[in-house]
Amino acid sequence: MSPVNESLFEFPCDFPIKVMGKAHPDFADTVASVVRQFDASFDATRVETRPSSGGNYVGLTVTVRAISREQLDDIYRALTGHPMVKVVL
């Protein structure tokens, strides 16, 4: 019996990650530097930014070049563990 591949993705692939946190002038740069630890080719100029209606929070969509499930898990762990980040989807 062959092993079952549980991944729904074919790697490498571009993978969008949504990151939300309190509005702060350094939020996007901070998230970009966390992501860059795991994806050296990450292009911070492609980050999409959406402020909340009240302006207190900001949502970012960062697209990484995912090479493995483990890499994505590491990025998610690093982002969710960062004090500026409230939610990662």
N, C-alpha and C. Protein backbone atom coordinates (compact mmCIF):
# COMPACT_ATOMS: atom_id res chain seq x y z
N MET A 1 0.84 -1.18 0.00
CA MET A 1 0.00 0.00 0.00
C MET A 1 0.89 1.24 0.00
N SER A 2 0.61 2.20 -0.88
CA SER A 2 1.44 3.40 -0.97
C SER A 2 0.99 4.43 0.06
N PRO A 3 1.94 5.27 0.52
CA PRO A 3 1.57 6.31 1.49
C PRO A 3 0.63 7.33 0.86
N VAL A 4 -0.25 7.85 1.66
CA VAL A 4 -1.23 8.83 1.19
C VAL A 4 -0.64 10.22 1.37
N ASN A 5 -0.69 11.02 0.30
CA ASN A 5 -0.22 12.40 0.37
C ASN A 5 -1.38 13.24 0.90
N GLU A 6 -1.24 13.77 2.11
CA GLU A 6 -2.33 14.51 2.73
C GLU A 6 -2.39 15.96 2.27
N SER A 7 -1.40 16.42 1.53
CA SER A 7 -1.37 17.81 1.10
C SER A 7 -2.36 18.04 -0.04
N LEU A 8 -3.08 19.15 0.04
CA LEU A 8 -4.00 19.52 -1.03
C LEU A 8 -3.31 20.42 -2.05
N PHE A 9 -2.06 20.77 -1.77
CA PHE A 9 -1.31 21.69 -2.61
C PHE A 9 -0.17 20.97 -3.30
N GLU A 10 0.17 21.48 -4.47
CA GLU A 10 1.38 21.01 -5.13
C GLU A 10 2.44 22.06 -4.91
N PHE A 11 3.54 21.65 -4.35
CA PHE A 11 4.62 22.59 -4.04
C PHE A 11 5.67 22.53 -5.13
N PRO A 12 6.33 23.64 -5.44
CA PRO A 12 6.12 24.97 -4.87
C PRO A 12 4.87 25.63 -5.44
N CYS A 13 4.33 26.59 -4.67
CA CYS A 13 3.15 27.34 -5.12
C CYS A 13 3.11 28.69 -4.41
N ASP A 14 2.41 29.63 -5.01
CA ASP A 14 2.16 30.91 -4.35
C ASP A 14 1.00 30.71 -3.40
N PHE A 15 1.18 31.13 -2.15
CA PHE A 15 0.18 30.86 -1.12
C PHE A 15 -0.13 32.15 -0.36
N PRO A 16 -1.37 32.65 -0.45
CA PRO A 16 -1.73 33.88 0.28
C PRO A 16 -2.04 33.59 1.75
N ILE A 17 -1.53 34.44 2.62
CA ILE A 17 -1.79 34.35 4.05
C ILE A 17 -2.36 35.68 4.51
N LYS A 18 -3.47 35.64 5.22
CA LYS A 18 -4.07 36.86 5.75
C LYS A 18 -3.62 37.03 7.20
N VAL A 19 -3.15 38.24 7.51
CA VAL A 19 -2.62 38.56 8.83
C VAL A 19 -3.32 39.82 9.32
N MET A 20 -3.86 39.78 10.54
CA MET A 20 -4.55 40.93 11.10
C MET A 20 -3.92 41.34 12.42
N GLY A 21 -3.89 42.66 12.63
CA GLY A 21 -3.35 43.18 13.87
C GLY A 21 -3.76 44.63 14.08
N LYS A 22 -3.37 45.17 15.22
CA LYS A 22 -3.66 46.57 15.52
C LYS A 22 -2.94 47.45 14.51
N ALA A 23 -3.59 48.55 14.11
CA ALA A 23 -2.97 49.49 13.19
C ALA A 23 -1.72 50.08 13.86
N HIS A 24 -0.59 49.96 13.20
CA HIS A 24 0.69 50.45 13.71
C HIS A 24 1.56 50.75 12.50
N PRO A 25 2.33 51.85 12.54
CA PRO A 25 3.14 52.21 11.37
C PRO A 25 4.14 51.12 10.94
N ASP A 26 4.57 50.27 11.87
CA ASP A 26 5.56 49.24 11.54
C ASP A 26 4.96 47.86 11.32
N PHE A 27 3.63 47.75 11.35
CA PHE A 27 3.00 46.43 11.27
C PHE A 27 3.37 45.69 9.98
N ALA A 28 3.19 46.32 8.83
CA ALA A 28 3.47 45.64 7.55
C ALA A 28 4.94 45.26 7.44
N ASP A 29 5.84 46.15 7.84
CA ASP A 29 7.27 45.84 7.78
C ASP A 29 7.64 44.70 8.71
N THR A 30 7.02 44.68 9.89
CA THR A 30 7.30 43.62 10.86
C THR A 30 6.84 42.27 10.32
N VAL A 31 5.63 42.22 9.77
CA VAL A 31 5.11 40.98 9.21
C VAL A 31 6.00 40.52 8.05
N ALA A 32 6.42 41.47 7.21
CA ALA A 32 7.28 41.12 6.08
C ALA A 32 8.60 40.53 6.56
N SER A 33 9.18 41.08 7.62
CA SER A 33 10.46 40.55 8.08
C SER A 33 10.29 39.15 8.70
N VAL A 34 9.15 38.90 9.34
CA VAL A 34 8.89 37.55 9.87
C VAL A 34 8.77 36.56 8.70
N VAL A 35 8.01 36.92 7.68
CA VAL A 35 7.82 36.04 6.53
C VAL A 35 9.14 35.80 5.80
N ARG A 36 9.96 36.83 5.68
CA ARG A 36 11.23 36.73 4.96
C ARG A 36 12.19 35.72 5.60
N GLN A 37 12.00 35.45 6.90
CA GLN A 37 12.83 34.43 7.56
C GLN A 37 12.62 33.05 6.95
N PHE A 38 11.45 32.83 6.35
CA PHE A 38 11.10 31.52 5.81
C PHE A 38 11.00 31.51 4.29
N ASP A 39 10.92 32.69 3.69
CA ASP A 39 10.84 32.82 2.23
C ASP A 39 11.72 34.00 1.82
N ALA A 40 12.97 33.70 1.49
CA ALA A 40 13.94 34.76 1.16
C ALA A 40 13.53 35.55 -0.08
N SER A 41 12.69 34.97 -0.94
CA SER A 41 12.27 35.66 -2.16
C SER A 41 11.00 36.49 -1.95
N PHE A 42 10.51 36.56 -0.71
CA PHE A 42 9.27 37.29 -0.43
C PHE A 42 9.39 38.74 -0.87
N ASP A 43 8.39 39.20 -1.62
CA ASP A 43 8.36 40.57 -2.15
C ASP A 43 7.37 41.41 -1.35
N ALA A 44 7.90 42.24 -0.45
CA ALA A 44 7.05 43.06 0.43
C ALA A 44 6.24 44.10 -0.33
N THR A 45 6.61 44.41 -1.57
CA THR A 45 5.84 45.38 -2.35
C THR A 45 4.52 44.80 -2.82
N ARG A 46 4.36 43.48 -2.73
CA ARG A 46 3.11 42.83 -3.15
C ARG A 46 2.14 42.61 -1.99
N VAL A 47 2.44 43.16 -0.81
CA VAL A 47 1.54 43.01 0.34
C VAL A 47 0.31 43.88 0.11
N GLU A 48 -0.86 43.27 0.25
CA GLU A 48 -2.12 44.02 0.15
C GLU A 48 -2.54 44.43 1.55
N THR A 49 -2.91 45.70 1.71
CA THR A 49 -3.27 46.26 3.01
C THR A 49 -4.72 46.73 3.00
N ARG A 50 -5.47 46.37 4.06
CA ARG A 50 -6.85 46.84 4.20
C ARG A 50 -7.09 47.27 5.64
N PRO A 51 -7.28 48.57 5.85
CA PRO A 51 -7.59 49.02 7.21
C PRO A 51 -9.04 48.66 7.58
N SER A 52 -9.28 48.49 8.89
CA SER A 52 -10.65 48.23 9.34
C SER A 52 -11.48 49.50 9.20
N SER A 53 -12.78 49.36 9.27
CA SER A 53 -13.65 50.53 9.10
C SER A 53 -13.39 51.60 10.16
N GLY A 54 -13.04 51.18 11.37
CA GLY A 54 -12.75 52.14 12.43
C GLY A 54 -11.31 52.63 12.44
N GLY A 55 -10.47 51.99 11.63
CA GLY A 55 -9.08 52.39 11.55
C GLY A 55 -8.19 51.87 12.67
N ASN A 56 -8.75 51.05 13.57
CA ASN A 56 -7.97 50.54 14.69
C ASN A 56 -7.15 49.30 14.34
N TYR A 57 -7.58 48.57 13.31
CA TYR A 57 -6.92 47.34 12.90
C TYR A 57 -6.57 47.41 11.43
N VAL A 58 -5.66 46.54 11.02
CA VAL A 58 -5.30 46.46 9.61
C VAL A 58 -5.18 44.98 9.24
N GLY A 59 -5.63 44.67 8.03
CA GLY A 59 -5.50 43.33 7.50
C GLY A 59 -4.50 43.34 6.35
N LEU A 60 -3.60 42.37 6.36
CA LEU A 60 -2.60 42.24 5.30
C LEU A 60 -2.80 40.90 4.60
N THR A 61 -2.60 40.89 3.30
CA THR A 61 -2.51 39.63 2.57
C THR A 61 -1.08 39.56 2.05
N VAL A 62 -0.35 38.57 2.54
CA VAL A 62 1.02 38.34 2.10
C VAL A 62 1.04 37.05 1.31
N THR A 63 1.65 37.08 0.15
CA THR A 63 1.73 35.89 -0.69
C THR A 63 3.15 35.36 -0.66
N VAL A 64 3.29 34.15 -0.14
CA VAL A 64 4.61 33.53 -0.03
C VAL A 64 4.78 32.49 -1.13
N ARG A 65 6.03 32.20 -1.43
CA ARG A 65 6.34 31.10 -2.35
C ARG A 65 6.57 29.88 -1.49
N ALA A 66 5.52 29.09 -1.33
CA ALA A 66 5.56 27.93 -0.44
C ALA A 66 6.26 26.76 -1.13
N ILE A 67 7.22 26.17 -0.40
CA ILE A 67 7.93 25.03 -0.96
C ILE A 67 7.57 23.73 -0.25
N SER A 68 6.91 23.85 0.92
CA SER A 68 6.50 22.64 1.65
C SER A 68 5.45 22.98 2.69
N ARG A 69 4.76 21.97 3.14
CA ARG A 69 3.78 22.14 4.22
C ARG A 69 4.49 22.59 5.51
N GLU A 70 5.67 22.04 5.74
CA GLU A 70 6.44 22.40 6.93
C GLU A 70 6.79 23.88 6.93
N GLN A 71 7.17 24.41 5.77
CA GLN A 71 7.50 25.83 5.67
C GLN A 71 6.27 26.68 6.02
N LEU A 72 5.10 26.31 5.49
CA LEU A 72 3.88 27.05 5.80
C LEU A 72 3.56 26.97 7.29
N ASP A 73 3.71 25.79 7.87
CA ASP A 73 3.47 25.65 9.31
C ASP A 73 4.41 26.55 10.11
N ASP A 74 5.67 26.62 9.71
CA ASP A 74 6.64 27.48 10.40
C ASP A 74 6.26 28.95 10.29
N ILE A 75 5.81 29.36 9.12
CA ILE A 75 5.38 30.76 8.93
C ILE A 75 4.18 31.06 9.82
N TYR A 76 3.20 30.17 9.82
CA TYR A 76 2.00 30.37 10.66
C TYR A 76 2.38 30.45 12.14
N ARG A 77 3.25 29.56 12.59
CA ARG A 77 3.67 29.58 14.00
C ARG A 77 4.39 30.88 14.35
N ALA A 78 5.28 31.33 13.48
CA ALA A 78 6.02 32.56 13.74
C ALA A 78 5.09 33.78 13.77
N LEU A 79 4.14 33.81 12.85
CA LEU A 79 3.21 34.95 12.81
C LEU A 79 2.26 34.94 14.01
N THR A 80 1.68 33.79 14.32
CA THR A 80 0.73 33.75 15.43
C THR A 80 1.43 34.00 16.77
N GLY A 81 2.72 33.72 16.84
CA GLY A 81 3.47 33.95 18.07
C GLY A 81 3.96 35.38 18.23
N HIS A 82 3.82 36.20 17.18
CA HIS A 82 4.31 37.57 17.26
C HIS A 82 3.31 38.45 18.02
N PRO A 83 3.80 39.29 18.93
CA PRO A 83 2.89 40.11 19.76
C PRO A 83 2.05 41.13 18.98
N MET A 84 2.47 41.54 17.79
CA MET A 84 1.70 42.52 17.01
C MET A 84 0.54 41.87 16.26
N VAL A 85 0.61 40.55 16.09
CA VAL A 85 -0.37 39.84 15.26
C VAL A 85 -1.51 39.31 16.12
N LYS A 86 -2.73 39.59 15.68
CA LYS A 86 -3.92 39.10 16.40
C LYS A 86 -4.48 37.83 15.79
N VAL A 87 -4.53 37.76 14.44
CA VAL A 87 -5.15 36.63 13.75
C VAL A 87 -4.36 36.31 12.49
N VAL A 88 -4.20 35.02 12.19
CA VAL A 88 -3.59 34.57 10.94
C VAL A 88 -4.52 33.56 10.30
N LEU A 89 -4.86 33.79 9.04
CA LEU A 89 -5.76 32.86 8.31
C LEU A 89 -5.06 32.37 7.05
